[in-house]
């Protein structure tokens, strides 16, 4: 049986969108927003929480959590902090890379 070569997400993105240029810049902007929703969803699942349970813990509603996870709605930093800390029991860390 032939084994598939393992490629990291970073390698796939570089191969598909390049490392520089308009195509990569456009991708990076959209990916950052998508990534937040995906990370929240994965953390919620890991904690064994439904969207409704997470929403209740952080003072919002299921629909809002769903929209964030599905990249339909942008999340404010203050709300993101409540979701991470109050809802998931985690800690939000931000980093600026120059």
Protein backbone atom coordinates (compact mmCIF):
# COMPACT_ATOMS: atom_id res chain seq x y z
CA UNK A 1 0.00 0.00 0.00
CA UNK A 2 1.35 3.41 -1.00
CA UNK A 3 1.75 5.93 1.83
CA UNK A 4 0.69 9.53 1.28
CA UNK A 5 3.36 12.10 1.98
CA UNK A 6 2.48 14.30 4.91
CA UNK A 7 2.35 18.00 4.17
CA UNK A 8 1.91 20.64 6.81
CA UNK A 9 -0.78 23.29 6.48
CA UNK A 10 1.92 25.95 6.04
CA UNK A 11 3.51 23.98 3.21
CA UNK A 12 0.15 23.53 1.52
CA UNK A 13 -0.65 27.25 1.78
CA UNK A 14 2.79 28.22 0.42
CA UNK A 15 2.41 25.80 -2.48
CA UNK A 16 -1.14 26.91 -3.30
CA UNK A 17 -0.92 30.68 -2.71
CA UNK A 18 2.80 31.38 -2.90
CA UNK A 19 4.82 33.10 -0.20
CA UNK A 20 4.41 36.68 -1.48
CA UNK A 21 2.12 38.69 -3.72
CA UNK A 22 -1.51 39.73 -3.99
CA UNK A 23 -2.88 36.18 -4.02
CA UNK A 24 -1.09 35.37 -0.75
CA UNK A 25 -2.01 38.70 0.89
CA UNK A 26 -5.70 38.19 0.09
CA UNK A 27 -5.55 34.63 1.42
CA UNK A 28 -3.80 35.65 4.63
CA UNK A 29 -6.43 38.30 5.45
CA UNK A 30 -9.31 35.85 4.98
CA UNK A 31 -7.52 32.99 6.71
CA UNK A 32 -6.92 34.96 9.90
CA UNK A 33 -10.67 35.51 10.32
CA UNK A 34 -11.51 31.90 9.42
CA UNK A 35 -8.85 30.57 11.77
CA UNK A 36 -10.37 32.25 14.83
CA UNK A 37 -13.73 30.61 14.24
CA UNK A 38 -12.11 27.25 13.56
CA UNK A 39 -10.00 27.44 16.71
CA UNK A 40 -13.06 28.29 18.82
CA UNK A 41 -14.96 25.39 17.30
CA UNK A 42 -12.13 22.93 17.95
CA UNK A 43 -11.70 24.12 21.56
CA UNK A 44 -15.46 23.89 22.15
CA UNK A 45 -15.56 20.33 20.81
CA UNK A 46 -12.49 19.37 22.86
CA UNK A 47 -14.24 20.69 25.98
CA UNK A 48 -17.35 18.66 25.11
CA UNK A 49 -19.55 21.74 24.83
CA UNK A 50 -22.40 22.41 22.44
CA UNK A 51 -22.68 25.83 20.83
CA UNK A 52 -25.62 26.48 23.12
CA UNK A 53 -23.66 25.55 26.27
CA UNK A 54 -20.71 27.71 25.23
CA UNK A 55 -23.01 30.64 24.48
CA UNK A 56 -24.65 30.33 27.89
CA UNK A 57 -21.29 30.32 29.68
CA UNK A 58 -20.08 33.48 27.98
CA UNK A 59 -23.34 35.43 27.90
CA UNK A 60 -24.29 35.27 24.23
CA UNK A 61 -26.52 33.06 22.10
CA UNK A 62 -26.06 29.91 20.03
CA UNK A 63 -26.60 31.72 16.75
CA UNK A 64 -23.76 34.13 17.44
CA UNK A 65 -21.36 31.29 18.29
CA UNK A 66 -22.40 29.48 15.11
CA UNK A 67 -21.78 32.58 12.99
CA UNK A 68 -18.31 33.04 14.47
CA UNK A 69 -17.41 29.39 13.98
CA UNK A 70 -18.64 29.45 10.38
CA UNK A 71 -16.89 32.73 9.52
CA UNK A 72 -20.16 34.56 8.91
CA UNK A 73 -19.66 37.18 11.61
CA UNK A 74 -16.54 38.94 12.84
CA UNK A 75 -15.97 38.80 16.57
CA UNK A 76 -14.99 41.78 18.70
CA UNK A 77 -11.87 41.36 20.80
CA UNK A 78 -13.81 41.83 24.06
CA UNK A 79 -16.31 39.15 23.02
CA UNK A 80 -13.52 36.81 21.93
CA UNK A 81 -11.96 37.21 25.36
CA UNK A 82 -15.28 36.29 27.06
CA UNK A 83 -15.67 33.23 24.84
CA UNK A 84 -12.14 32.03 25.55
CA UNK A 85 -11.97 32.83 29.25
CA UNK A 86 -15.56 32.50 30.52
CA UNK A 87 -16.86 29.98 28.02
CA UNK A 88 -13.87 27.73 27.45
CA UNK A 89 -11.90 28.36 30.65
CA UNK A 90 -8.83 29.32 28.64
CA UNK A 91 -6.56 32.31 28.28
CA UNK A 92 -6.41 34.59 25.24
CA UNK A 93 -2.93 35.63 24.13
CA UNK A 94 -2.28 38.03 21.27
CA UNK A 95 0.96 38.55 19.43
CA UNK A 96 2.10 41.17 16.94
CA UNK A 97 4.67 40.04 14.40
CA UNK A 98 6.60 42.65 12.44
